[in-house]
Amino acid sequence: MEKPVLSESQEDYLKEIFKLREMNVTVSMQDLAKKLDVRPPSVTGMIKKLCSMDLVEHEPYKGVQLTETGEKIAIEVLRHHRLLELYLAKHLNYSWDEIHDEAERLEHVISEKFEAAIAELMDHPTHDPHGDPIPSVELEFPDSPDLTPLTTCKTGRMMTIKRVMTQDKDILNLLTRLELTIGNIITIKGTESAGIRLKVSDNQYLIPHTIAKLIWCHEDN
């Protein structure tokens, strides 16, 4: 089946549906309206359009789901986005709180030749600066270790931060200041009503649950 020609907005919808599903969220119209910062009637109209193109399916109580074709397009857009994020960070010295918006602008317009060139330049990377997996050119995701949200890590365990599930600039800036960045090792000191208490380097912090759930870790042996 030939790939349909889509607008940037249509590609964004497919990508965000995939990302929400990745977090085990049943994707509602309200979820998409909030995520894409558009009015609910606009979301309803777009989903109807994407359904007519056989790119998504929408059923009451099951939410919005991608078809096989819709999923392939979403993964391809994610590959562009995450390769661009890594390229901007590694070769143009963007910080991890700057790369998302720039990649959002570029992901729809780069050619397959450019995509292949930056992938080759970076030796076909498997993860972007936020720890998000980069799909291969065959649109397959790399094997990754089992990751645990900081909110469910057990007291006393040493964990390595592997993924941060947000592109919010304020949160990323805060995590940078607290040294809660990809690859850093933390020790879980305990869970409190206000958040998760942890130690990184020689410092201890209490991280609110709303932020802790965005930090995904792998337990060190």
N, C-alpha and C. Protein backbone atom coordinates (compact mmCIF):
# COMPACT_ATOMS: atom_id res chain seq x y z
N MET A 1 0.85 -1.20 0.00
CA MET A 1 0.00 0.00 0.00
C MET A 1 0.88 1.24 0.00
N GLU A 2 0.59 2.16 -0.91
CA GLU A 2 1.38 3.38 -0.98
C GLU A 2 1.09 4.28 0.20
N LYS A 3 2.13 4.88 0.74
CA LYS A 3 1.97 5.76 1.90
C LYS A 3 1.18 7.00 1.51
N PRO A 4 0.10 7.33 2.26
CA PRO A 4 -0.68 8.52 1.93
C PRO A 4 0.09 9.80 2.20
N VAL A 5 -0.24 10.83 1.45
CA VAL A 5 0.36 12.14 1.68
C VAL A 5 -0.44 12.84 2.77
N LEU A 6 0.22 13.17 3.86
CA LEU A 6 -0.45 13.75 5.01
C LEU A 6 0.05 15.16 5.30
N SER A 7 -0.78 15.93 5.95
CA SER A 7 -0.36 17.24 6.43
C SER A 7 0.47 17.08 7.70
N GLU A 8 1.19 18.12 8.08
CA GLU A 8 1.97 18.07 9.32
C GLU A 8 1.05 17.81 10.52
N SER A 9 -0.12 18.43 10.52
CA SER A 9 -1.06 18.25 11.62
C SER A 9 -1.52 16.80 11.72
N GLN A 10 -1.81 16.18 10.58
CA GLN A 10 -2.24 14.78 10.59
C GLN A 10 -1.14 13.87 11.12
N GLU A 11 0.10 14.12 10.72
CA GLU A 11 1.22 13.34 11.24
C GLU A 11 1.37 13.53 12.75
N ASP A 12 1.16 14.76 13.22
CA ASP A 12 1.26 15.03 14.65
C ASP A 12 0.22 14.24 15.44
N TYR A 13 -0.99 14.16 14.91
CA TYR A 13 -2.03 13.38 15.58
C TYR A 13 -1.62 11.91 15.70
N LEU A 14 -1.14 11.34 14.61
CA LEU A 14 -0.74 9.93 14.65
C LEU A 14 0.39 9.70 15.65
N LYS A 15 1.35 10.61 15.65
CA LYS A 15 2.49 10.49 16.57
C LYS A 15 2.03 10.56 18.03
N GLU A 16 1.15 11.51 18.34
CA GLU A 16 0.72 11.68 19.73
C GLU A 16 -0.16 10.52 20.18
N ILE A 17 -0.97 9.96 19.29
CA ILE A 17 -1.75 8.78 19.64
C ILE A 17 -0.81 7.63 20.00
N PHE A 18 0.23 7.45 19.20
CA PHE A 18 1.20 6.38 19.47
C PHE A 18 1.87 6.60 20.82
N LYS A 19 2.30 7.83 21.11
CA LYS A 19 3.01 8.11 22.35
C LYS A 19 2.11 7.90 23.57
N LEU A 20 0.85 8.30 23.48
CA LEU A 20 -0.07 8.08 24.58
C LEU A 20 -0.32 6.59 24.80
N ARG A 21 -0.47 5.85 23.71
CA ARG A 21 -0.64 4.41 23.82
C ARG A 21 0.59 3.74 24.44
N GLU A 22 1.76 4.30 24.10
CA GLU A 22 3.01 3.76 24.64
C GLU A 22 3.02 3.82 26.16
N MET A 23 2.32 4.81 26.72
CA MET A 23 2.25 4.96 28.18
C MET A 23 1.02 4.25 28.74
N ASN A 24 0.45 3.33 27.95
CA ASN A 24 -0.70 2.54 28.38
C ASN A 24 -1.91 3.39 28.72
N VAL A 25 -2.08 4.46 27.96
CA VAL A 25 -3.22 5.34 28.13
C VAL A 25 -4.27 5.00 27.07
N THR A 26 -5.53 4.86 27.49
CA THR A 26 -6.62 4.75 26.53
C THR A 26 -6.87 6.14 25.98
N VAL A 27 -6.61 6.34 24.72
CA VAL A 27 -6.55 7.69 24.16
C VAL A 27 -7.95 8.21 23.86
N SER A 28 -8.34 9.23 24.59
CA SER A 28 -9.65 9.86 24.38
C SER A 28 -9.49 11.14 23.56
N MET A 29 -10.59 11.66 23.10
CA MET A 29 -10.59 12.95 22.40
C MET A 29 -10.04 14.05 23.31
N GLN A 30 -10.39 13.96 24.59
CA GLN A 30 -9.93 14.96 25.56
C GLN A 30 -8.41 14.90 25.74
N ASP A 31 -7.87 13.66 25.75
CA ASP A 31 -6.42 13.50 25.86
C ASP A 31 -5.72 14.20 24.70
N LEU A 32 -6.22 13.98 23.50
CA LEU A 32 -5.59 14.56 22.32
C LEU A 32 -5.74 16.08 22.30
N ALA A 33 -6.90 16.58 22.70
CA ALA A 33 -7.10 18.02 22.74
C ALA A 33 -6.10 18.69 23.68
N LYS A 34 -5.89 18.05 24.84
CA LYS A 34 -4.95 18.60 25.82
C LYS A 34 -3.51 18.49 25.32
N LYS A 35 -3.16 17.34 24.77
CA LYS A 35 -1.79 17.09 24.33
C LYS A 35 -1.41 18.00 23.17
N LEU A 36 -2.34 18.21 22.25
CA LEU A 36 -2.05 18.99 21.05
C LEU A 36 -2.45 20.45 21.18
N ASP A 37 -3.06 20.79 22.31
CA ASP A 37 -3.47 22.18 22.59
C ASP A 37 -4.42 22.70 21.51
N VAL A 38 -5.45 21.90 21.23
CA VAL A 38 -6.49 22.30 20.27
C VAL A 38 -7.86 22.09 20.91
N ARG A 39 -8.89 22.67 20.31
CA ARG A 39 -10.24 22.55 20.85
C ARG A 39 -10.82 21.17 20.53
N PRO A 40 -11.64 20.62 21.45
CA PRO A 40 -12.22 19.29 21.22
C PRO A 40 -12.95 19.13 19.88
N PRO A 41 -13.72 20.13 19.41
CA PRO A 41 -14.36 19.95 18.09
C PRO A 41 -13.35 19.74 16.96
N SER A 42 -12.18 20.38 17.07
CA SER A 42 -11.15 20.19 16.05
C SER A 42 -10.63 18.76 16.09
N VAL A 43 -10.47 18.20 17.29
CA VAL A 43 -10.01 16.83 17.43
C VAL A 43 -11.03 15.87 16.82
N THR A 44 -12.30 16.10 17.11
CA THR A 44 -13.36 15.23 16.57
C THR A 44 -13.32 15.22 15.05
N GLY A 45 -13.18 16.40 14.45
CA GLY A 45 -13.13 16.48 13.00
C GLY A 45 -11.92 15.78 12.42
N MET A 46 -10.76 15.93 13.08
CA MET A 46 -9.54 15.30 12.57
C MET A 46 -9.61 13.78 12.69
N ILE A 47 -10.13 13.29 13.80
CA ILE A 47 -10.22 11.83 13.98
C ILE A 47 -11.17 11.23 12.95
N LYS A 48 -12.26 11.91 12.66
CA LYS A 48 -13.16 11.43 11.60
C LYS A 48 -12.43 11.36 10.27
N LYS A 49 -11.61 12.37 9.98
CA LYS A 49 -10.84 12.39 8.74
C LYS A 49 -9.85 11.24 8.70
N LEU A 50 -9.13 11.02 9.80
CA LEU A 50 -8.13 9.96 9.85
C LEU A 50 -8.79 8.57 9.80
N CYS A 51 -9.99 8.46 10.37
CA CYS A 51 -10.73 7.20 10.26
C CYS A 51 -11.10 6.93 8.81
N SER A 52 -11.52 7.97 8.09
CA SER A 52 -11.90 7.79 6.68
C SER A 52 -10.71 7.40 5.82
N MET A 53 -9.49 7.71 6.30
CA MET A 53 -8.27 7.35 5.57
C MET A 53 -7.71 6.02 6.04
N ASP A 54 -8.44 5.33 6.93
CA ASP A 54 -8.02 4.03 7.49
C ASP A 54 -6.68 4.12 8.22
N LEU A 55 -6.47 5.24 8.91
CA LEU A 55 -5.24 5.42 9.69
C LEU A 55 -5.49 5.26 11.18
N VAL A 56 -6.73 5.50 11.61
CA VAL A 56 -7.09 5.29 13.02
C VAL A 56 -8.46 4.63 13.09
N GLU A 57 -8.75 4.07 14.26
CA GLU A 57 -10.08 3.54 14.58
C GLU A 57 -10.52 4.16 15.88
N HIS A 58 -11.81 4.42 16.00
CA HIS A 58 -12.34 5.02 17.23
C HIS A 58 -13.59 4.28 17.65
N GLU A 59 -13.55 3.72 18.86
CA GLU A 59 -14.69 3.02 19.43
C GLU A 59 -14.97 3.54 20.82
N PRO A 60 -16.24 3.69 21.18
CA PRO A 60 -16.57 4.11 22.55
C PRO A 60 -15.93 3.19 23.58
N TYR A 61 -15.38 3.77 24.62
CA TYR A 61 -14.74 3.08 25.75
C TYR A 61 -13.39 2.44 25.41
N LYS A 62 -13.06 2.35 24.13
CA LYS A 62 -11.75 1.82 23.74
C LYS A 62 -10.82 2.93 23.26
N GLY A 63 -11.38 4.10 23.06
CA GLY A 63 -10.57 5.23 22.65
C GLY A 63 -10.13 5.16 21.20
N VAL A 64 -9.12 5.97 20.89
CA VAL A 64 -8.59 6.05 19.54
C VAL A 64 -7.39 5.12 19.42
N GLN A 65 -7.38 4.31 18.38
CA GLN A 65 -6.27 3.39 18.13
C GLN A 65 -5.78 3.55 16.70
N LEU A 66 -4.49 3.32 16.52
CA LEU A 66 -3.91 3.39 15.19
C LEU A 66 -4.14 2.08 14.44
N THR A 67 -4.39 2.19 13.14
CA THR A 67 -4.36 1.00 12.30
C THR A 67 -2.90 0.64 12.02
N GLU A 68 -2.68 -0.46 11.34
CA GLU A 68 -1.31 -0.86 11.02
C GLU A 68 -0.61 0.22 10.20
N THR A 69 -1.31 0.77 9.21
CA THR A 69 -0.72 1.83 8.38
C THR A 69 -0.46 3.08 9.21
N GLY A 70 -1.43 3.46 10.04
CA GLY A 70 -1.27 4.64 10.88
C GLY A 70 -0.11 4.50 11.84
N GLU A 71 0.08 3.30 12.39
CA GLU A 71 1.19 3.07 13.32
C GLU A 71 2.54 3.18 12.62
N LYS A 72 2.65 2.66 11.42
CA LYS A 72 3.91 2.76 10.68
C LYS A 72 4.29 4.21 10.41
N ILE A 73 3.29 5.01 10.05
CA ILE A 73 3.56 6.43 9.80
C ILE A 73 3.98 7.12 11.09
N ALA A 74 3.29 6.81 12.20
CA ALA A 74 3.64 7.42 13.49
C ALA A 74 5.07 7.07 13.89
N ILE A 75 5.46 5.81 13.71
CA ILE A 75 6.81 5.39 14.09
C ILE A 75 7.86 6.06 13.20
N GLU A 76 7.56 6.23 11.92
CA GLU A 76 8.50 6.90 11.04
C GLU A 76 8.70 8.36 11.46
N VAL A 77 7.62 9.04 11.84
CA VAL A 77 7.74 10.43 12.31
C VAL A 77 8.55 10.47 13.60
N LEU A 78 8.31 9.49 14.49
CA LEU A 78 9.09 9.42 15.73
C LEU A 78 10.57 9.20 15.44
N ARG A 79 10.88 8.37 14.45
CA ARG A 79 12.28 8.16 14.08
C ARG A 79 12.92 9.48 13.66
N HIS A 80 12.25 10.22 12.79
CA HIS A 80 12.77 11.52 12.37
C HIS A 80 13.00 12.41 13.59
N HIS A 81 11.98 12.48 14.45
CA HIS A 81 12.03 13.40 15.59
C HIS A 81 13.19 13.06 16.53
N ARG A 82 13.32 11.79 16.86
CA ARG A 82 14.33 11.41 17.86
C ARG A 82 15.74 11.45 17.30
N LEU A 83 15.90 11.13 16.02
CA LEU A 83 17.21 11.31 15.39
C LEU A 83 17.60 12.78 15.38
N LEU A 84 16.65 13.64 15.06
CA LEU A 84 16.92 15.08 15.04
C LEU A 84 17.28 15.59 16.43
N GLU A 85 16.57 15.12 17.45
CA GLU A 85 16.89 15.55 18.81
C GLU A 85 18.34 15.20 19.16
N LEU A 86 18.74 13.99 18.84
CA LEU A 86 20.11 13.57 19.17
C LEU A 86 21.12 14.35 18.34
N TYR A 87 20.83 14.57 17.08
CA TYR A 87 21.73 15.33 16.21
C TYR A 87 21.90 16.76 16.74
N LEU A 88 20.81 17.38 17.12
CA LEU A 88 20.88 18.75 17.66
C LEU A 88 21.71 18.80 18.94
N ALA A 89 21.56 17.78 19.78
CA ALA A 89 22.30 17.76 21.05
C ALA A 89 23.78 17.45 20.84
N LYS A 90 24.08 16.46 20.00
CA LYS A 90 25.46 16.00 19.84
C LYS A 90 26.31 16.91 18.95
N HIS A 91 25.69 17.45 17.91
CA HIS A 91 26.49 18.14 16.90
C HIS A 91 26.23 19.65 16.83
N LEU A 92 25.14 20.12 17.42
CA LEU A 92 24.85 21.55 17.40
C LEU A 92 24.76 22.14 18.81
N ASN A 93 25.09 21.34 19.80
CA ASN A 93 25.20 21.80 21.20
C ASN A 93 23.89 22.37 21.78
N TYR A 94 22.77 21.85 21.32
CA TYR A 94 21.50 22.20 21.96
C TYR A 94 21.40 21.45 23.29
N SER A 95 20.78 22.08 24.29
CA SER A 95 20.53 21.38 25.55
C SER A 95 19.26 20.53 25.41
N TRP A 96 19.08 19.57 26.34
CA TRP A 96 17.95 18.64 26.17
C TRP A 96 16.60 19.31 26.36
N ASP A 97 16.56 20.52 26.93
CA ASP A 97 15.30 21.24 27.04
C ASP A 97 14.99 22.08 25.80
N GLU A 98 15.94 22.17 24.86
CA GLU A 98 15.76 22.97 23.64
C GLU A 98 15.43 22.12 22.41
N ILE A 99 15.81 20.85 22.45
CA ILE A 99 15.79 20.06 21.21
C ILE A 99 14.39 19.69 20.73
N HIS A 100 13.43 19.56 21.65
CA HIS A 100 12.11 19.08 21.25
C HIS A 100 11.44 20.02 20.26
N ASP A 101 11.37 21.30 20.61
CA ASP A 101 10.67 22.26 19.75
C ASP A 101 11.33 22.36 18.38
N GLU A 102 12.66 22.32 18.35
CA GLU A 102 13.37 22.40 17.07
C GLU A 102 13.09 21.16 16.23
N ALA A 103 13.11 19.99 16.87
CA ALA A 103 12.83 18.75 16.15
C ALA A 103 11.39 18.71 15.65
N GLU A 104 10.46 19.29 16.42
CA GLU A 104 9.07 19.34 15.99
C GLU A 104 8.93 20.08 14.67
N ARG A 105 9.70 21.15 14.51
CA ARG A 105 9.62 21.93 13.28
C ARG A 105 10.25 21.21 12.10
N LEU A 106 11.26 20.40 12.36
CA LEU A 106 12.03 19.78 11.27
C LEU A 106 11.56 18.39 10.88
N GLU A 107 10.89 17.69 11.78
CA GLU A 107 10.61 16.26 11.57
C GLU A 107 9.77 15.98 10.32
N HIS A 108 8.93 16.95 9.92
CA HIS A 108 8.03 16.74 8.79
C HIS A 108 8.68 17.03 7.45
N VAL A 109 9.82 17.70 7.46
CA VAL A 109 10.35 18.22 6.19
C VAL A 109 11.66 17.58 5.76
N ILE A 110 12.34 16.84 6.64
CA ILE A 110 13.62 16.26 6.22
C ILE A 110 13.37 15.12 5.24
N SER A 111 14.29 14.94 4.32
CA SER A 111 14.19 13.87 3.34
C SER A 111 14.69 12.56 3.92
N GLU A 112 14.37 11.46 3.26
CA GLU A 112 14.89 10.16 3.68
C GLU A 112 16.41 10.13 3.56
N LYS A 113 16.94 10.86 2.58
CA LYS A 113 18.39 10.92 2.40
C LYS A 113 19.04 11.61 3.60
N PHE A 114 18.43 12.71 4.06
CA PHE A 114 18.97 13.42 5.22
C PHE A 114 18.87 12.55 6.47
N GLU A 115 17.73 11.88 6.63
CA GLU A 115 17.55 10.98 7.77
C GLU A 115 18.64 9.91 7.79
N ALA A 116 18.90 9.30 6.63
CA ALA A 116 19.91 8.25 6.54
C ALA A 116 21.30 8.81 6.84
N ALA A 117 21.55 10.04 6.39
CA ALA A 117 22.88 10.65 6.58
C ALA A 117 23.17 10.92 8.06
N ILE A 118 22.19 11.47 8.78
CA ILE A 118 22.47 11.77 10.19
C ILE A 118 22.50 10.48 11.02
N ALA A 119 21.71 9.48 10.63
CA ALA A 119 21.77 8.19 11.32
C ALA A 119 23.15 7.56 11.15
N GLU A 120 23.69 7.62 9.92
CA GLU A 120 25.02 7.08 9.65
C GLU A 120 26.08 7.87 10.41
N LEU A 121 25.96 9.20 10.41
CA LEU A 121 26.92 10.06 11.11
C LEU A 121 27.01 9.70 12.59
N MET A 122 25.87 9.36 13.18
CA MET A 122 25.82 9.07 14.62
C MET A 122 25.88 7.57 14.90
N ASP A 123 26.28 6.78 13.89
CA ASP A 123 26.46 5.34 14.04
C ASP A 123 25.17 4.64 14.44
N HIS A 124 24.08 5.04 13.84
CA HIS A 124 22.77 4.41 14.02
C HIS A 124 22.41 4.26 15.50
N PRO A 125 22.16 5.38 16.17
CA PRO A 125 21.89 5.37 17.62
C PRO A 125 20.56 4.70 17.95
N THR A 126 20.45 4.26 19.19
CA THR A 126 19.24 3.56 19.63
C THR A 126 18.37 4.38 20.57
N HIS A 127 18.91 5.49 21.14
CA HIS A 127 18.13 6.29 22.08
C HIS A 127 18.47 7.77 21.92
N ASP A 128 17.48 8.61 22.16
CA ASP A 128 17.69 10.06 22.05
C ASP A 128 18.11 10.64 23.41
N PRO A 129 18.34 11.95 23.52
CA PRO A 129 18.83 12.52 24.79
C PRO A 129 17.88 12.39 25.98
N HIS A 130 16.60 12.12 25.72
CA HIS A 130 15.66 11.90 26.83
C HIS A 130 15.57 10.43 27.20
N GLY A 131 16.34 9.58 26.48
CA GLY A 131 16.28 8.15 26.73
C GLY A 131 15.19 7.46 25.95
N ASP A 132 14.48 8.19 25.08
CA ASP A 132 13.43 7.57 24.27
C ASP A 132 14.06 6.71 23.18
N PRO A 133 13.52 5.51 22.94
CA PRO A 133 14.09 4.63 21.92
C PRO A 133 13.89 5.18 20.51
N ILE A 134 14.90 5.04 19.67
CA ILE A 134 14.83 5.48 18.28
C ILE A 134 14.54 4.27 17.40
N PRO A 135 13.43 4.28 16.69
CA PRO A 135 13.14 3.15 15.78
C PRO A 135 14.21 3.04 14.70
N SER A 136 14.46 1.81 14.25
CA SER A 136 15.41 1.59 13.17
C SER A 136 14.78 2.00 11.84
N VAL A 137 15.58 1.95 10.78
CA VAL A 137 15.06 2.28 9.45
C VAL A 137 13.97 1.29 9.05
N GLU A 138 13.98 0.10 9.64
CA GLU A 138 12.91 -0.88 9.40
C GLU A 138 11.70 -0.64 10.31
N LEU A 139 11.76 0.45 11.08
CA LEU A 139 10.68 0.86 11.99
C LEU A 139 10.49 -0.13 13.14
N GLU A 140 11.60 -0.72 13.59
CA GLU A 140 11.58 -1.60 14.75
C GLU A 140 12.29 -0.91 15.91
N PHE A 141 11.76 -1.11 17.10
CA PHE A 141 12.35 -0.47 18.28
C PHE A 141 13.47 -1.34 18.86
N PRO A 142 14.51 -0.70 19.39
CA PRO A 142 15.62 -1.48 19.97
C PRO A 142 15.21 -2.18 21.25
N ASP A 143 15.92 -3.25 21.57
CA ASP A 143 15.71 -3.90 22.86
C ASP A 143 16.15 -2.95 23.96
N SER A 144 15.39 -2.90 25.01
CA SER A 144 15.71 -2.02 26.14
C SER A 144 15.57 -2.79 27.44
N PRO A 145 16.35 -2.42 28.46
CA PRO A 145 16.19 -3.07 29.76
C PRO A 145 14.85 -2.72 30.38
N ASP A 146 14.39 -3.55 31.31
CA ASP A 146 13.16 -3.25 32.02
C ASP A 146 13.33 -1.97 32.83
N LEU A 147 12.40 -1.04 32.65
CA LEU A 147 12.48 0.24 33.34
C LEU A 147 11.33 0.38 34.31
N THR A 148 11.59 1.08 35.40
CA THR A 148 10.61 1.26 36.46
C THR A 148 10.43 2.74 36.74
N PRO A 149 9.19 3.25 36.78
CA PRO A 149 8.99 4.66 37.16
C PRO A 149 9.51 4.90 38.57
N LEU A 150 10.05 6.06 38.80
CA LEU A 150 10.62 6.39 40.11
C LEU A 150 9.58 6.22 41.22
N THR A 151 8.31 6.40 40.89
CA THR A 151 7.24 6.29 41.90
C THR A 151 7.07 4.87 42.42
N THR A 152 7.59 3.86 41.70
CA THR A 152 7.42 2.47 42.16
C THR A 152 8.75 1.83 42.55
N CYS A 153 9.83 2.60 42.56
CA CYS A 153 11.13 2.05 42.96
C CYS A 153 11.14 1.79 44.47
N LYS A 154 11.79 0.73 44.89
CA LYS A 154 11.80 0.34 46.29
C LYS A 154 12.88 1.07 47.08
N THR A 155 12.56 1.37 48.31
CA THR A 155 13.49 2.07 49.20
C THR A 155 14.79 1.28 49.35
N GLY A 156 15.90 2.02 49.29
CA GLY A 156 17.21 1.42 49.47
C GLY A 156 17.87 0.98 48.17
N ARG A 157 17.12 0.95 47.07
CA ARG A 157 17.68 0.48 45.81
C ARG A 157 18.48 1.59 45.12
N MET A 158 19.56 1.17 44.45
CA MET A 158 20.32 2.08 43.59
C MET A 158 19.81 1.90 42.17
N MET A 159 19.47 3.01 41.52
CA MET A 159 18.88 2.98 40.19
C MET A 159 19.64 3.92 39.26
N THR A 160 19.66 3.56 37.98
CA THR A 160 20.22 4.44 36.96
C THR A 160 19.08 5.04 36.14
N ILE A 161 19.10 6.35 35.99
CA ILE A 161 18.07 7.02 35.20
C ILE A 161 18.29 6.69 33.72
N LYS A 162 17.27 6.15 33.09
CA LYS A 162 17.38 5.72 31.69
C LYS A 162 16.46 6.48 30.75
N ARG A 163 15.38 7.02 31.28
CA ARG A 163 14.41 7.70 30.40
C ARG A 163 13.64 8.75 31.18
N VAL A 164 13.41 9.89 30.56
CA VAL A 164 12.59 10.95 31.16
C VAL A 164 11.43 11.22 30.21
N MET A 165 10.22 10.98 30.69
CA MET A 165 9.03 10.97 29.83
C MET A 165 8.36 12.33 29.75
N THR A 166 9.14 13.35 29.43
CA THR A 166 8.57 14.69 29.25
C THR A 166 9.51 15.52 28.39
N GLN A 167 8.93 16.50 27.71
CA GLN A 167 9.73 17.51 27.01
C GLN A 167 9.46 18.90 27.58
N ASP A 168 8.82 18.95 28.74
CA ASP A 168 8.53 20.22 29.38
C ASP A 168 9.83 20.91 29.79
N LYS A 169 10.04 22.13 29.29
CA LYS A 169 11.31 22.82 29.51
C LYS A 169 11.58 23.09 30.99
N ASP A 170 10.56 23.50 31.72
CA ASP A 170 10.76 23.81 33.14
C ASP A 170 11.17 22.57 33.92
N ILE A 171 10.52 21.45 33.63
CA ILE A 171 10.86 20.21 34.33
C ILE A 171 12.27 19.75 33.96
N LEU A 172 12.63 19.82 32.68
CA LEU A 172 13.96 19.40 32.25
C LEU A 172 15.04 20.30 32.85
N ASN A 173 14.77 21.59 32.93
CA ASN A 173 15.72 22.50 33.58
C ASN A 173 15.90 22.16 35.05
N LEU A 174 14.80 21.84 35.72
CA LEU A 174 14.87 21.46 37.13
C LEU A 174 15.68 20.18 37.29
N LEU A 175 15.42 19.18 36.46
CA LEU A 175 16.15 17.93 36.56
C LEU A 175 17.64 18.12 36.30
N THR A 176 17.97 19.02 35.39
CA THR A 176 19.39 19.32 35.13
C THR A 176 20.05 19.89 36.37
N ARG A 177 19.37 20.84 37.01
CA ARG A 177 19.95 21.47 38.21
C ARG A 177 20.12 20.46 39.35
N LEU A 178 19.23 19.48 39.41
CA LEU A 178 19.29 18.47 40.47
C LEU A 178 20.14 17.26 40.09
N GLU A 179 20.74 17.29 38.91
CA GLU A 179 21.58 16.18 38.40
C GLU A 179 20.77 14.91 38.18
N LEU A 180 19.50 15.06 37.90
CA LEU A 180 18.64 13.91 37.61
C LEU A 180 18.53 13.76 36.10
N THR A 181 19.65 13.42 35.48
CA THR A 181 19.73 13.32 34.03
C THR A 181 20.08 11.89 33.61
N ILE A 182 19.94 11.62 32.32
CA ILE A 182 20.13 10.27 31.80
C ILE A 182 21.53 9.74 32.15
N GLY A 183 21.56 8.53 32.70
CA GLY A 183 22.82 7.88 33.05
C GLY A 183 23.27 8.10 34.49
N ASN A 184 22.69 9.06 35.19
CA ASN A 184 23.09 9.30 36.58
C ASN A 184 22.47 8.26 37.52
N ILE A 185 23.21 7.95 38.58
CA ILE A 185 22.79 6.93 39.55
C ILE A 185 22.18 7.60 40.76
N ILE A 186 21.04 7.08 41.20
CA ILE A 186 20.36 7.62 42.36
C ILE A 186 20.09 6.49 43.35
N THR A 187 19.90 6.87 44.61
CA THR A 187 19.52 5.92 45.66
C THR A 187 18.17 6.34 46.22
N ILE A 188 17.24 5.41 46.27
CA ILE A 188 15.90 5.70 46.78
C ILE A 188 15.94 5.67 48.31
N LYS A 189 15.61 6.80 48.93
CA LYS A 189 15.67 6.90 50.40
C LYS A 189 14.31 6.65 51.05
N GLY A 190 13.24 6.82 50.27
CA GLY A 190 11.93 6.55 50.85
C GLY A 190 10.82 7.26 50.10
N THR A 191 9.57 6.82 50.38
CA THR A 191 8.39 7.42 49.77
C THR A 191 7.60 8.15 50.84
N GLU A 192 7.23 9.39 50.54
CA GLU A 192 6.46 10.21 51.46
C GLU A 192 5.20 10.69 50.75
N SER A 193 4.27 11.24 51.51
CA SER A 193 3.03 11.72 50.90
C SER A 193 3.30 12.83 49.89
N ALA A 194 4.37 13.60 50.12
CA ALA A 194 4.68 14.72 49.23
C ALA A 194 5.52 14.31 48.03
N GLY A 195 6.10 13.10 48.07
CA GLY A 195 6.92 12.70 46.93
C GLY A 195 7.90 11.59 47.27
N ILE A 196 8.91 11.44 46.42
CA ILE A 196 9.95 10.42 46.57
C ILE A 196 11.23 11.09 47.04
N ARG A 197 11.78 10.60 48.14
CA ARG A 197 13.05 11.15 48.62
C ARG A 197 14.18 10.29 48.06
N LEU A 198 15.17 10.97 47.47
CA LEU A 198 16.27 10.24 46.84
C LEU A 198 17.59 10.98 47.06
N LYS A 199 18.66 10.24 46.80
CA LYS A 199 20.00 10.81 46.91
C LYS A 199 20.68 10.69 45.55
N VAL A 200 21.31 11.79 45.11
CA VAL A 200 22.12 11.80 43.91
C VAL A 200 23.40 12.55 44.24
N SER A 201 24.55 11.94 43.90
CA SER A 201 25.85 12.47 44.36
C SER A 201 25.81 12.57 45.87
N ASP A 202 26.07 13.76 46.44
CA ASP A 202 26.04 13.91 47.90
C ASP A 202 24.81 14.67 48.37
N ASN A 203 23.82 14.80 47.49
CA ASN A 203 22.63 15.60 47.81
C ASN A 203 21.39 14.75 47.91
N GLN A 204 20.47 15.18 48.79
CA GLN A 204 19.18 14.52 48.90
C GLN A 204 18.08 15.50 48.49
N TYR A 205 17.07 14.97 47.78
CA TYR A 205 15.95 15.80 47.33
C TYR A 205 14.65 15.05 47.53
N LEU A 206 13.58 15.81 47.69
CA LEU A 206 12.23 15.26 47.71
C LEU A 206 11.57 15.65 46.38
N ILE A 207 11.32 14.66 45.54
CA ILE A 207 10.78 14.90 44.21
C ILE A 207 9.27 14.64 44.22
N PRO A 208 8.46 15.64 43.85
CA PRO A 208 7.00 15.44 43.84
C PRO A 208 6.60 14.24 42.97
N HIS A 209 5.53 13.57 43.35
CA HIS A 209 5.08 12.40 42.60
C HIS A 209 4.79 12.73 41.14
N THR A 210 4.28 13.94 40.88
CA THR A 210 3.95 14.33 39.51
C THR A 210 5.17 14.35 38.61
N ILE A 211 6.33 14.65 39.18
CA ILE A 211 7.58 14.65 38.40
C ILE A 211 8.24 13.28 38.48
N ALA A 212 8.19 12.65 39.66
CA ALA A 212 8.83 11.33 39.84
C ALA A 212 8.29 10.30 38.86
N LYS A 213 6.99 10.37 38.53
CA LYS A 213 6.42 9.36 37.63
C LYS A 213 6.95 9.49 36.20
N LEU A 214 7.60 10.62 35.90
CA LEU A 214 8.15 10.84 34.56
C LEU A 214 9.58 10.32 34.44
N ILE A 215 10.20 9.96 35.55
CA ILE A 215 11.59 9.50 35.57
C ILE A 215 11.60 7.97 35.64
N TRP A 216 12.14 7.34 34.61
CA TRP A 216 12.15 5.88 34.52
C TRP A 216 13.57 5.36 34.69
N CYS A 217 13.71 4.35 35.53
CA CYS A 217 15.03 3.90 35.95
C CYS A 217 15.22 2.40 35.74
N HIS A 218 16.51 2.01 35.76
CA HIS A 218 16.89 0.61 35.70
C HIS A 218 17.69 0.29 36.95
N GLU A 219 17.37 -0.81 37.62
CA GLU A 219 18.04 -1.15 38.86
C GLU A 219 19.44 -1.65 38.61
N ASP A 220 20.41 -1.07 39.33
CA ASP A 220 21.80 -1.52 39.23
C ASP A 220 21.97 -2.81 40.04
N ASN A 221 22.70 -3.74 39.48
CA ASN A 221 22.96 -5.00 40.19
C ASN A 221 24.12 -4.86 41.16
